[in-house]
Amino acid sequence: RAGRTGINDMVVDHARETAGRLLESSPVIAAAVHDGSTAVVGVAYRLD
């Protein structure tokens, strides 16, 4: 939808979206992020 058609662009979006969905899916983790005891990050790894 954003016009990004390359696999590696999709990999970055997938990491971002998964991190966001994790907070949406787990009230336990969302609460830990809200109170500052935990952070959730998305990371893309370059194989080469």
ModelCIF file with pLDDT and N, C-alpha, C, O atoms, coordinates in Angstrom:
data_MODEL
#
_entry.id   MODEL 
#
_entity.id                         1 
_entity.type                       polymer 
_entity.pdbx_number_of_molecules   1 
#
_entity_poly.entity_id                      1 
_entity_poly.type                           'polypeptide(L)' 
_entity_poly.nstd_linkage                   no 
_entity_poly.nstd_monomer                   no 
_entity_poly.pdbx_seq_one_letter_code       RAGRTGINDMVVDHARETAGRLLESSPVIAAAVHDGSTAVVGVAYRLD 
_entity_poly.pdbx_seq_one_letter_code_can   RAGRTGINDMVVDHARETAGRLLESSPVIAAAVHDGSTAVVGVAYRLD 
_entity_poly.pdbx_strand_id                 A 
#
loop_
_entity_poly_seq.entity_id 
_entity_poly_seq.num 
_entity_poly_seq.mon_id 
_entity_poly_seq.hetero 
1 1  ARG n 
1 2  ALA n 
1 3  GLY n 
1 4  ARG n 
1 5  THR n 
1 6  GLY n 
1 7  ILE n 
1 8  ASN n 
1 9  ASP n 
1 10 MET n 
1 11 VAL n 
1 12 VAL n 
1 13 ASP n 
1 14 HIS n 
1 15 ALA n 
1 16 ARG n 
1 17 GLU n 
1 18 THR n 
1 19 ALA n 
1 20 GLY n 
1 21 ARG n 
1 22 LEU n 
1 23 LEU n 
1 24 GLU n 
1 25 SER n 
1 26 SER n 
1 27 PRO n 
1 28 VAL n 
1 29 ILE n 
1 30 ALA n 
1 31 ALA n 
1 32 ALA n 
1 33 VAL n 
1 34 HIS n 
1 35 ASP n 
1 36 GLY n 
1 37 SER n 
1 38 THR n 
1 39 ALA n 
1 40 VAL n 
1 41 VAL n 
1 42 GLY n 
1 43 VAL n 
1 44 ALA n 
1 45 TYR n 
1 46 ARG n 
1 47 LEU n 
1 48 ASP n 
#
_struct_asym.id          A 
_struct_asym.entity_id   1 
#
loop_
_ma_qa_metric.id 
_ma_qa_metric.mode 
_ma_qa_metric.name 
_ma_qa_metric.software_group_id 
_ma_qa_metric.type 
1 global pLDDT . pLDDT 
2 local  pLDDT . pLDDT 
#
_ma_qa_metric_global.metric_id      1 
_ma_qa_metric_global.metric_value   96.35 
_ma_qa_metric_global.model_id       1 
_ma_qa_metric_global.ordinal_id     1 
#
loop_
_ma_qa_metric_local.label_asym_id 
_ma_qa_metric_local.label_comp_id 
_ma_qa_metric_local.label_seq_id 
_ma_qa_metric_local.metric_id 
_ma_qa_metric_local.metric_value 
_ma_qa_metric_local.model_id 
_ma_qa_metric_local.ordinal_id 
A ARG 1  2 96.00 1 1  
A ALA 2  2 96.00 1 2  
A GLY 3  2 95.00 1 3  
A ARG 4  2 96.00 1 4  
A THR 5  2 94.00 1 5  
A GLY 6  2 95.00 1 6  
A ILE 7  2 95.00 1 7  
A ASN 8  2 95.00 1 8  
A ASP 9  2 96.00 1 9  
A MET 10 2 96.00 1 10 
A VAL 11 2 97.00 1 11 
A VAL 12 2 97.00 1 12 
A ASP 13 2 97.00 1 13 
A HIS 14 2 97.00 1 14 
A ALA 15 2 97.00 1 15 
A ARG 16 2 97.00 1 16 
A GLU 17 2 97.00 1 17 
A THR 18 2 97.00 1 18 
A ALA 19 2 97.00 1 19 
A GLY 20 2 96.00 1 20 
A ARG 21 2 96.00 1 21 
A LEU 22 2 96.00 1 22 
A LEU 23 2 96.00 1 23 
A GLU 24 2 96.00 1 24 
A SER 25 2 96.00 1 25 
A SER 26 2 97.00 1 26 
A PRO 27 2 97.00 1 27 
A VAL 28 2 97.00 1 28 
A ILE 29 2 97.00 1 29 
A ALA 30 2 97.00 1 30 
A ALA 31 2 97.00 1 31 
A ALA 32 2 97.00 1 32 
A VAL 33 2 97.00 1 33 
A HIS 34 2 96.00 1 34 
A ASP 35 2 95.00 1 35 
A GLY 36 2 94.00 1 36 
A SER 37 2 95.00 1 37 
A THR 38 2 97.00 1 38 
A ALA 39 2 97.00 1 39 
A VAL 40 2 98.00 1 40 
A VAL 41 2 98.00 1 41 
A GLY 42 2 97.00 1 42 
A VAL 43 2 98.00 1 43 
A ALA 44 2 97.00 1 44 
A TYR 45 2 97.00 1 45 
A ARG 46 2 96.00 1 46 
A LEU 47 2 96.00 1 47 
A ASP 48 2 95.00 1 48 
#
loop_
_atom_site.group_PDB 
_atom_site.id 
_atom_site.type_symbol 
_atom_site.label_atom_id 
_atom_site.label_alt_id 
_atom_site.label_comp_id 
_atom_site.label_asym_id 
_atom_site.label_entity_id 
_atom_site.label_seq_id 
_atom_site.pdbx_PDB_ins_code 
_atom_site.Cartn_x 
_atom_site.Cartn_y 
_atom_site.Cartn_z 
_atom_site.occupancy 
_atom_site.B_iso_or_equiv 
_atom_site.pdbx_formal_charge 
_atom_site.auth_seq_id 
_atom_site.auth_comp_id 
_atom_site.auth_asym_id 
_atom_site.auth_atom_id 
_atom_site.pdbx_PDB_model_num 
ATOM 1   N N  . ARG A 1 1  ? 0.822  -1.213  0.000  1.00 96.00 ? 1  ARG A N  1 
ATOM 2   C CA . ARG A 1 1  ? 0.000  0.000   0.000  1.00 96.00 ? 1  ARG A CA 1 
ATOM 3   C C  . ARG A 1 1  ? 0.857  1.264   0.000  1.00 96.00 ? 1  ARG A C  1 
ATOM 4   O O  . ARG A 1 1  ? 0.437  2.316   -0.481 1.00 96.00 ? 1  ARG A O  1 
ATOM 5   N N  . ALA A 1 2  ? 2.066  1.139   0.549  1.00 96.00 ? 2  ALA A N  1 
ATOM 6   C CA . ALA A 1 2  ? 2.978  2.282   0.591  1.00 96.00 ? 2  ALA A CA 1 
ATOM 7   C C  . ALA A 1 2  ? 3.897  2.331   -0.629 1.00 96.00 ? 2  ALA A C  1 
ATOM 8   O O  . ALA A 1 2  ? 4.766  3.199   -0.723 1.00 96.00 ? 2  ALA A O  1 
ATOM 9   N N  . GLY A 1 3  ? 3.702  1.394   -1.567 1.00 95.00 ? 3  GLY A N  1 
ATOM 10  C CA . GLY A 1 3  ? 4.519  1.367   -2.777 1.00 95.00 ? 3  GLY A CA 1 
ATOM 11  C C  . GLY A 1 3  ? 5.877  0.728   -2.592 1.00 95.00 ? 3  GLY A C  1 
ATOM 12  O O  . GLY A 1 3  ? 6.748  0.877   -3.449 1.00 95.00 ? 3  GLY A O  1 
ATOM 13  N N  . ARG A 1 4  ? 6.080  0.017   -1.487 1.00 96.00 ? 4  ARG A N  1 
ATOM 14  C CA . ARG A 1 4  ? 7.354  -0.673  -1.248 1.00 96.00 ? 4  ARG A CA 1 
ATOM 15  C C  . ARG A 1 4  ? 7.215  -2.125  -1.694 1.00 96.00 ? 4  ARG A C  1 
ATOM 16  O O  . ARG A 1 4  ? 6.502  -2.907  -1.066 1.00 96.00 ? 4  ARG A O  1 
ATOM 17  N N  . THR A 1 5  ? 7.888  -2.477  -2.760 1.00 94.00 ? 5  THR A N  1 
ATOM 18  C CA . THR A 1 5  ? 7.700  -3.802  -3.367 1.00 94.00 ? 5  THR A CA 1 
ATOM 19  C C  . THR A 1 5  ? 8.892  -4.722  -3.192 1.00 94.00 ? 5  THR A C  1 
ATOM 20  O O  . THR A 1 5  ? 8.808  -5.899  -3.544 1.00 94.00 ? 5  THR A O  1 
ATOM 21  N N  . GLY A 1 6  ? 9.997  -4.225  -2.660 1.00 95.00 ? 6  GLY A N  1 
ATOM 22  C CA . GLY A 1 6  ? 11.176 -5.064  -2.458 1.00 95.00 ? 6  GLY A CA 1 
ATOM 23  C C  . GLY A 1 6  ? 11.049 -5.933  -1.224 1.00 95.00 ? 6  GLY A C  1 
ATOM 24  O O  . GLY A 1 6  ? 10.457 -5.517  -0.228 1.00 95.00 ? 6  GLY A O  1 
ATOM 25  N N  . ILE A 1 7  ? 11.598 -7.136  -1.281 1.00 95.00 ? 7  ILE A N  1 
ATOM 26  C CA . ILE A 1 7  ? 11.529 -8.059  -0.154 1.00 95.00 ? 7  ILE A CA 1 
ATOM 27  C C  . ILE A 1 7  ? 12.127 -7.447  1.103  1.00 95.00 ? 7  ILE A C  1 
ATOM 28  O O  . ILE A 1 7  ? 11.554 -7.567  2.186  1.00 95.00 ? 7  ILE A O  1 
ATOM 29  N N  . ASN A 1 8  ? 13.267 -6.798  0.970  1.00 95.00 ? 8  ASN A N  1 
ATOM 30  C CA . ASN A 1 8  ? 13.927 -6.281  2.175  1.00 95.00 ? 8  ASN A CA 1 
ATOM 31  C C  . ASN A 1 8  ? 13.170 -5.108  2.794  1.00 95.00 ? 8  ASN A C  1 
ATOM 32  O O  . ASN A 1 8  ? 13.226 -4.908  4.007  1.00 95.00 ? 8  ASN A O  1 
ATOM 33  N N  . ASP A 1 9  ? 12.459 -4.328  1.970  1.00 96.00 ? 9  ASP A N  1 
ATOM 34  C CA . ASP A 1 9  ? 11.566 -3.308  2.526  1.00 96.00 ? 9  ASP A CA 1 
ATOM 35  C C  . ASP A 1 9  ? 10.427 -3.972  3.295  1.00 96.00 ? 9  ASP A C  1 
ATOM 36  O O  . ASP A 1 9  ? 10.009 -3.492  4.349  1.00 96.00 ? 9  ASP A O  1 
ATOM 37  N N  . MET A 1 10 ? 9.936  -5.077  2.753  1.00 96.00 ? 10 MET A N  1 
ATOM 38  C CA . MET A 1 10 ? 8.857  -5.806  3.420  1.00 96.00 ? 10 MET A CA 1 
ATOM 39  C C  . MET A 1 10 ? 9.327  -6.419  4.728  1.00 96.00 ? 10 MET A C  1 
ATOM 40  O O  . MET A 1 10 ? 8.571  -6.487  5.697  1.00 96.00 ? 10 MET A O  1 
ATOM 41  N N  . VAL A 1 11 ? 10.586 -6.869  4.755  1.00 97.00 ? 11 VAL A N  1 
ATOM 42  C CA . VAL A 1 11 ? 11.151 -7.412  5.989  1.00 97.00 ? 11 VAL A CA 1 
ATOM 43  C C  . VAL A 1 11 ? 11.154 -6.350  7.092  1.00 97.00 ? 11 VAL A C  1 
ATOM 44  O O  . VAL A 1 11 ? 10.807 -6.638  8.237  1.00 97.00 ? 11 VAL A O  1 
ATOM 45  N N  . VAL A 1 12 ? 11.542 -5.137  6.743  1.00 97.00 ? 12 VAL A N  1 
ATOM 46  C CA . VAL A 1 12 ? 11.545 -4.040  7.723  1.00 97.00 ? 12 VAL A CA 1 
ATOM 47  C C  . VAL A 1 12 ? 10.132 -3.753  8.198  1.00 97.00 ? 12 VAL A C  1 
ATOM 48  O O  . VAL A 1 12 ? 9.890  -3.616  9.397  1.00 97.00 ? 12 VAL A O  1 
ATOM 49  N N  . ASP A 1 13 ? 9.199  -3.662  7.258  1.00 97.00 ? 13 ASP A N  1 
ATOM 50  C CA . ASP A 1 13 ? 7.810  -3.419  7.649  1.00 97.00 ? 13 ASP A CA 1 
ATOM 51  C C  . ASP A 1 13 ? 7.269  -4.547  8.518  1.00 97.00 ? 13 ASP A C  1 
ATOM 52  O O  . ASP A 1 13 ? 6.514  -4.305  9.459  1.00 97.00 ? 13 ASP A O  1 
ATOM 53  N N  . HIS A 1 14 ? 7.654  -5.774  8.202  1.00 97.00 ? 14 HIS A N  1 
ATOM 54  C CA . HIS A 1 14 ? 7.159  -6.909  8.984  1.00 97.00 ? 14 HIS A CA 1 
ATOM 55  C C  . HIS A 1 14 ? 7.693  -6.871  10.418 1.00 97.00 ? 14 HIS A C  1 
ATOM 56  O O  . HIS A 1 14 ? 6.966  -7.194  11.357 1.00 97.00 ? 14 HIS A O  1 
ATOM 57  N N  . ALA A 1 15 ? 8.951  -6.483  10.590 1.00 97.00 ? 15 ALA A N  1 
ATOM 58  C CA . ALA A 1 15 ? 9.493  -6.347  11.950 1.00 97.00 ? 15 ALA A CA 1 
ATOM 59  C C  . ALA A 1 15 ? 8.743  -5.265  12.712 1.00 97.00 ? 15 ALA A C  1 
ATOM 60  O O  . ALA A 1 15 ? 8.380  -5.450  13.873 1.00 97.00 ? 15 ALA A O  1 
ATOM 61  N N  . ARG A 1 16 ? 8.513  -4.126  12.048 1.00 97.00 ? 16 ARG A N  1 
ATOM 62  C CA . ARG A 1 16 ? 7.775  -3.037  12.694 1.00 97.00 ? 16 ARG A CA 1 
ATOM 63  C C  . ARG A 1 16 ? 6.352  -3.465  13.048 1.00 97.00 ? 16 ARG A C  1 
ATOM 64  O O  . ARG A 1 16 ? 5.884  -3.239  14.164 1.00 97.00 ? 16 ARG A O  1 
ATOM 65  N N  . GLU A 1 17 ? 5.678  -4.079  12.094 1.00 97.00 ? 17 GLU A N  1 
ATOM 66  C CA . GLU A 1 17 ? 4.285  -4.475  12.321 1.00 97.00 ? 17 GLU A CA 1 
ATOM 67  C C  . GLU A 1 17 ? 4.177  -5.541  13.406 1.00 97.00 ? 17 GLU A C  1 
ATOM 68  O O  . GLU A 1 17 ? 3.248  -5.515  14.213 1.00 97.00 ? 17 GLU A O  1 
ATOM 69  N N  . THR A 1 18 ? 5.119  -6.473  13.429 1.00 97.00 ? 18 THR A N  1 
ATOM 70  C CA . THR A 1 18 ? 5.080  -7.516  14.458 1.00 97.00 ? 18 THR A CA 1 
ATOM 71  C C  . THR A 1 18 ? 5.271  -6.922  15.841 1.00 97.00 ? 18 THR A C  1 
ATOM 72  O O  . THR A 1 18 ? 4.588  -7.320  16.784 1.00 97.00 ? 18 THR A O  1 
ATOM 73  N N  . ALA A 1 19 ? 6.191  -5.972  15.976 1.00 97.00 ? 19 ALA A N  1 
ATOM 74  C CA . ALA A 1 19 ? 6.392  -5.318  17.267 1.00 97.00 ? 19 ALA A CA 1 
ATOM 75  C C  . ALA A 1 19 ? 5.117  -4.611  17.717 1.00 97.00 ? 19 ALA A C  1 
ATOM 76  O O  . ALA A 1 19 ? 4.734  -4.698  18.883 1.00 97.00 ? 19 ALA A O  1 
ATOM 77  N N  . GLY A 1 20 ? 4.466  -3.918  16.799 1.00 96.00 ? 20 GLY A N  1 
ATOM 78  C CA . GLY A 1 20 ? 3.218  -3.239  17.137 1.00 96.00 ? 20 GLY A CA 1 
ATOM 79  C C  . GLY A 1 20 ? 2.111  -4.204  17.506 1.00 96.00 ? 20 GLY A C  1 
ATOM 80  O O  . GLY A 1 20 ? 1.372  -3.969  18.461 1.00 96.00 ? 20 GLY A O  1 
ATOM 81  N N  . ARG A 1 21 ? 1.990  -5.302  16.747 1.00 96.00 ? 21 ARG A N  1 
ATOM 82  C CA . ARG A 1 21 ? 0.936  -6.283  17.029 1.00 96.00 ? 21 ARG A CA 1 
ATOM 83  C C  . ARG A 1 21 ? 1.181  -7.000  18.352 1.00 96.00 ? 21 ARG A C  1 
ATOM 84  O O  . ARG A 1 21 ? 0.241  -7.422  19.026 1.00 96.00 ? 21 ARG A O  1 
ATOM 85  N N  . LEU A 1 22 ? 2.449  -7.132  18.712 1.00 96.00 ? 22 LEU A N  1 
ATOM 86  C CA . LEU A 1 22 ? 2.770  -7.758  19.993 1.00 96.00 ? 22 LEU A CA 1 
ATOM 87  C C  . LEU A 1 22 ? 2.160  -6.968  21.143 1.00 96.00 ? 22 LEU A C  1 
ATOM 88  O O  . LEU A 1 22 ? 1.581  -7.546  22.063 1.00 96.00 ? 22 LEU A O  1 
ATOM 89  N N  . LEU A 1 23 ? 2.289  -5.662  21.091 1.00 96.00 ? 23 LEU A N  1 
ATOM 90  C CA . LEU A 1 23 ? 1.701  -4.832  22.142 1.00 96.00 ? 23 LEU A CA 1 
ATOM 91  C C  . LEU A 1 23 ? 0.177  -4.870  22.093 1.00 96.00 ? 23 LEU A C  1 
ATOM 92  O O  . LEU A 1 23 ? -0.485 -4.871  23.131 1.00 96.00 ? 23 LEU A O  1 
ATOM 93  N N  . GLU A 1 24 ? -0.375 -4.901  20.878 1.00 96.00 ? 24 GLU A N  1 
ATOM 94  C CA . GLU A 1 24 ? -1.827 -4.963  20.746 1.00 96.00 ? 24 GLU A CA 1 
ATOM 95  C C  . GLU A 1 24 ? -2.383 -6.286  21.268 1.00 96.00 ? 24 GLU A C  1 
ATOM 96  O O  . GLU A 1 24 ? -3.495 -6.331  21.795 1.00 96.00 ? 24 GLU A O  1 
ATOM 97  N N  . SER A 1 25 ? -1.609 -7.363  21.122 1.00 96.00 ? 25 SER A N  1 
ATOM 98  C CA . SER A 1 25 ? -2.091 -8.702  21.462 1.00 96.00 ? 25 SER A CA 1 
ATOM 99  C C  . SER A 1 25 ? -1.910 -9.054  22.928 1.00 96.00 ? 25 SER A C  1 
ATOM 100 O O  . SER A 1 25 ? -2.657 -9.871  23.467 1.00 96.00 ? 25 SER A O  1 
ATOM 101 N N  . SER A 1 26 ? -0.923 -8.445  23.580 1.00 97.00 ? 26 SER A N  1 
ATOM 102 C CA . SER A 1 26 ? -0.602 -8.830  24.954 1.00 97.00 ? 26 SER A CA 1 
ATOM 103 C C  . SER A 1 26 ? -0.758 -7.665  25.921 1.00 97.00 ? 26 SER A C  1 
ATOM 104 O O  . SER A 1 26 ? 0.097  -6.780  25.954 1.00 97.00 ? 26 SER A O  1 
ATOM 105 N N  . PRO A 1 27 ? -1.823 -7.644  26.705 1.00 97.00 ? 27 PRO A N  1 
ATOM 106 C CA . PRO A 1 27 ? -1.957 -6.608  27.735 1.00 97.00 ? 27 PRO A CA 1 
ATOM 107 C C  . PRO A 1 27 ? -0.822 -6.642  28.755 1.00 97.00 ? 27 PRO A C  1 
ATOM 108 O O  . PRO A 1 27 ? -0.461 -5.604  29.311 1.00 97.00 ? 27 PRO A O  1 
ATOM 109 N N  . VAL A 1 28 ? -0.260 -7.814  29.005 1.00 97.00 ? 28 VAL A N  1 
ATOM 110 C CA . VAL A 1 28 ? 0.841  -7.946  29.956 1.00 97.00 ? 28 VAL A CA 1 
ATOM 111 C C  . VAL A 1 28 ? 2.054  -7.165  29.468 1.00 97.00 ? 28 VAL A C  1 
ATOM 112 O O  . VAL A 1 28 ? 2.650  -6.398  30.223 1.00 97.00 ? 28 VAL A O  1 
ATOM 113 N N  . ILE A 1 29 ? 2.416  -7.361  28.211 1.00 97.00 ? 29 ILE A N  1 
ATOM 114 C CA . ILE A 1 29 ? 3.579  -6.679  27.655 1.00 97.00 ? 29 ILE A CA 1 
ATOM 115 C C  . ILE A 1 29 ? 3.294  -5.202  27.469 1.00 97.00 ? 29 ILE A C  1 
ATOM 116 O O  . ILE A 1 29 ? 4.159  -4.366  27.728 1.00 97.00 ? 29 ILE A O  1 
ATOM 117 N N  . ALA A 1 30 ? 2.085  -4.871  27.021 1.00 97.00 ? 30 ALA A N  1 
ATOM 118 C CA . ALA A 1 30 ? 1.723  -3.457  26.851 1.00 97.00 ? 30 ALA A CA 1 
ATOM 119 C C  . ALA A 1 30 ? 1.826  -2.706  28.174 1.00 97.00 ? 30 ALA A C  1 
ATOM 120 O O  . ALA A 1 30 ? 2.293  -1.568  28.208 1.00 97.00 ? 30 ALA A O  1 
ATOM 121 N N  . ALA A 1 31 ? 1.393  -3.334  29.257 1.00 97.00 ? 31 ALA A N  1 
ATOM 122 C CA . ALA A 1 31 ? 1.461  -2.688  30.567 1.00 97.00 ? 31 ALA A CA 1 
ATOM 123 C C  . ALA A 1 31 ? 2.905  -2.486  31.005 1.00 97.00 ? 31 ALA A C  1 
ATOM 124 O O  . ALA A 1 31 ? 3.240  -1.465  31.606 1.00 97.00 ? 31 ALA A O  1 
ATOM 125 N N  . ALA A 1 32 ? 3.756  -3.458  30.704 1.00 97.00 ? 32 ALA A N  1 
ATOM 126 C CA . ALA A 1 32 ? 5.172  -3.343  31.072 1.00 97.00 ? 32 ALA A CA 1 
ATOM 127 C C  . ALA A 1 32 ? 5.852  -2.217  30.295 1.00 97.00 ? 32 ALA A C  1 
ATOM 128 O O  . ALA A 1 32 ? 6.703  -1.510  30.834 1.00 97.00 ? 32 ALA A O  1 
ATOM 129 N N  . VAL A 1 33 ? 5.473  -2.056  29.028 1.00 97.00 ? 33 VAL A N  1 
ATOM 130 C CA . VAL A 1 33 ? 6.013  -0.948  28.239 1.00 97.00 ? 33 VAL A CA 1 
ATOM 131 C C  . VAL A 1 33 ? 5.493  0.379   28.777 1.00 97.00 ? 33 VAL A C  1 
ATOM 132 O O  . VAL A 1 33 ? 6.238  1.354   28.873 1.00 97.00 ? 33 VAL A O  1 
ATOM 133 N N  . HIS A 1 34 ? 4.221  0.408   29.123 1.00 96.00 ? 34 HIS A N  1 
ATOM 134 C CA . HIS A 1 34 ? 3.603  1.641   29.627 1.00 96.00 ? 34 HIS A CA 1 
ATOM 135 C C  . HIS A 1 34 ? 4.263  2.108   30.925 1.00 96.00 ? 34 HIS A C  1 
ATOM 136 O O  . HIS A 1 34 ? 4.448  3.307   31.130 1.00 96.00 ? 34 HIS A O  1 
ATOM 137 N N  . ASP A 1 35 ? 4.615  1.170   31.795 1.00 95.00 ? 35 ASP A N  1 
ATOM 138 C CA . ASP A 1 35 ? 5.209  1.591   33.079 1.00 95.00 ? 35 ASP A CA 1 
ATOM 139 C C  . ASP A 1 35 ? 6.734  1.737   33.006 1.00 95.00 ? 35 ASP A C  1 
ATOM 140 O O  . ASP A 1 35 ? 7.377  2.047   34.008 1.00 95.00 ? 35 ASP A O  1 
ATOM 141 N N  . GLY A 1 36 ? 7.307  1.514   31.823 1.00 94.00 ? 36 GLY A N  1 
ATOM 142 C CA . GLY A 1 36 ? 8.728  1.759   31.626 1.00 94.00 ? 36 GLY A CA 1 
ATOM 143 C C  . GLY A 1 36 ? 9.656  0.624   32.016 1.00 94.00 ? 36 GLY A C  1 
ATOM 144 O O  . GLY A 1 36 ? 10.876 0.769   31.937 1.00 94.00 ? 36 GLY A O  1 
ATOM 145 N N  . SER A 1 37 ? 9.096  -0.508  32.438 1.00 95.00 ? 37 SER A N  1 
ATOM 146 C CA . SER A 1 37 ? 9.949  -1.615  32.860 1.00 95.00 ? 37 SER A CA 1 
ATOM 147 C C  . SER A 1 37 ? 10.450 -2.458  31.695 1.00 95.00 ? 37 SER A C  1 
ATOM 148 O O  . SER A 1 37 ? 11.427 -3.195  31.828 1.00 95.00 ? 37 SER A O  1 
ATOM 149 N N  . THR A 1 38 ? 9.775  -2.346  30.546 1.00 97.00 ? 38 THR A N  1 
ATOM 150 C CA . THR A 1 38 ? 10.145 -3.123  29.360 1.00 97.00 ? 38 THR A CA 1 
ATOM 151 C C  . THR A 1 38 ? 10.005 -2.252  28.122 1.00 97.00 ? 38 THR A C  1 
ATOM 152 O O  . THR A 1 38 ? 9.146  -1.371  28.066 1.00 97.00 ? 38 THR A O  1 
ATOM 153 N N  . ALA A 1 39 ? 10.848 -2.500  27.136 1.00 97.00 ? 39 ALA A N  1 
ATOM 154 C CA . ALA A 1 39 ? 10.692 -1.891  25.810 1.00 97.00 ? 39 ALA A CA 1 
ATOM 155 C C  . ALA A 1 39 ? 10.575 -2.997  24.781 1.00 97.00 ? 39 ALA A C  1 
ATOM 156 O O  . ALA A 1 39 ? 11.063 -4.109  24.986 1.00 97.00 ? 39 ALA A O  1 
ATOM 157 N N  . VAL A 1 40 ? 9.921  -2.683  23.670 1.00 98.00 ? 40 VAL A N  1 
ATOM 158 C CA . VAL A 1 40 ? 9.807  -3.608  22.541 1.00 98.00 ? 40 VAL A CA 1 
ATOM 159 C C  . VAL A 1 40 ? 10.389 -2.917  21.323 1.00 98.00 ? 40 VAL A C  1 
ATOM 160 O O  . VAL A 1 40 ? 9.987  -1.802  20.993 1.00 98.00 ? 40 VAL A O  1 
ATOM 161 N N  . VAL A 1 41 ? 11.328 -3.562  20.652 1.00 98.00 ? 41 VAL A N  1 
ATOM 162 C CA . VAL A 1 41 ? 11.945 -2.964  19.474 1.00 98.00 ? 41 VAL A CA 1 
ATOM 163 C C  . VAL A 1 41 ? 11.847 -3.902  18.279 1.00 98.00 ? 41 VAL A C  1 
ATOM 164 O O  . VAL A 1 41 ? 11.828 -5.124  18.425 1.00 98.00 ? 41 VAL A O  1 
ATOM 165 N N  . GLY A 1 42 ? 11.785 -3.298  17.089 1.00 97.00 ? 42 GLY A N  1 
ATOM 166 C CA . GLY A 1 42 ? 11.882 -4.044  15.846 1.00 97.00 ? 42 GLY A CA 1 
ATOM 167 C C  . GLY A 1 42 ? 13.272 -3.869  15.277 1.00 97.00 ? 42 GLY A C  1 
ATOM 168 O O  . GLY A 1 42 ? 13.806 -2.760  15.258 1.00 97.00 ? 42 GLY A O  1 
ATOM 169 N N  . VAL A 1 43 ? 13.857 -4.953  14.816 1.00 98.00 ? 43 VAL A N  1 
ATOM 170 C CA . VAL A 1 43 ? 15.235 -4.929  14.315 1.00 98.00 ? 43 VAL A CA 1 
ATOM 171 C C  . VAL A 1 43 ? 15.303 -5.697  13.000 1.00 98.00 ? 43 VAL A C  1 
ATOM 172 O O  . VAL A 1 43 ? 14.715 -6.771  12.868 1.00 98.00 ? 43 VAL A O  1 
ATOM 173 N N  . ALA A 1 44 ? 16.024 -5.139  12.029 1.00 97.00 ? 44 ALA A N  1 
ATOM 174 C CA . ALA A 1 44 ? 16.254 -5.804  10.753 1.00 97.00 ? 44 ALA A CA 1 
ATOM 175 C C  . ALA A 1 44 ? 17.736 -6.149  10.641 1.00 97.00 ? 44 ALA A C  1 
ATOM 176 O O  . ALA A 1 44 ? 18.599 -5.289  10.814 1.00 97.00 ? 44 ALA A O  1 
ATOM 177 N N  . TYR A 1 45 ? 18.018 -7.408  10.352 1.00 97.00 ? 45 TYR A N  1 
ATOM 178 C CA . TYR A 1 45 ? 19.392 -7.896  10.287 1.00 97.00 ? 45 TYR A CA 1 
ATOM 179 C C  . TYR A 1 45 ? 19.829 -8.066  8.841  1.00 97.00 ? 45 TYR A C  1 
ATOM 180 O O  . TYR A 1 45 ? 19.103 -8.629  8.021  1.00 97.00 ? 45 TYR A O  1 
ATOM 181 N N  . ARG A 1 46 ? 21.034 -7.567  8.537  1.00 96.00 ? 46 ARG A N  1 
ATOM 182 C CA . ARG A 1 46 ? 21.615 -7.683  7.204  1.00 96.00 ? 46 ARG A CA 1 
ATOM 183 C C  . ARG A 1 46 ? 22.532 -8.907  7.168  1.00 96.00 ? 46 ARG A C  1 
ATOM 184 O O  . ARG A 1 46 ? 23.560 -8.939  7.845  1.00 96.00 ? 46 ARG A O  1 
ATOM 185 N N  . LEU A 1 47 ? 22.162 -9.892  6.389  1.00 96.00 ? 47 LEU A N  1 
ATOM 186 C CA . LEU A 1 47 ? 22.897 -11.152 6.380  1.00 96.00 ? 47 LEU A CA 1 
ATOM 187 C C  . LEU A 1 47 ? 24.351 -10.971 5.964  1.00 96.00 ? 47 LEU A C  1 
ATOM 188 O O  . LEU A 1 47 ? 25.245 -11.558 6.573  1.00 96.00 ? 47 LEU A O  1 
ATOM 189 N N  . ASP A 1 48 ? 24.598 -10.163 4.930  1.00 95.00 ? 48 ASP A N  1 
ATOM 190 C CA . ASP A 1 48 ? 25.957 -10.004 4.422  1.00 95.00 ? 48 ASP A CA 1 
ATOM 191 C C  . ASP A 1 48 ? 26.830 -9.196  5.386  1.00 95.00 ? 48 ASP A C  1 
ATOM 192 O O  . ASP A 1 48 ? 28.008 -8.968  5.110  1.00 95.00 ? 48 ASP A O  1 
#
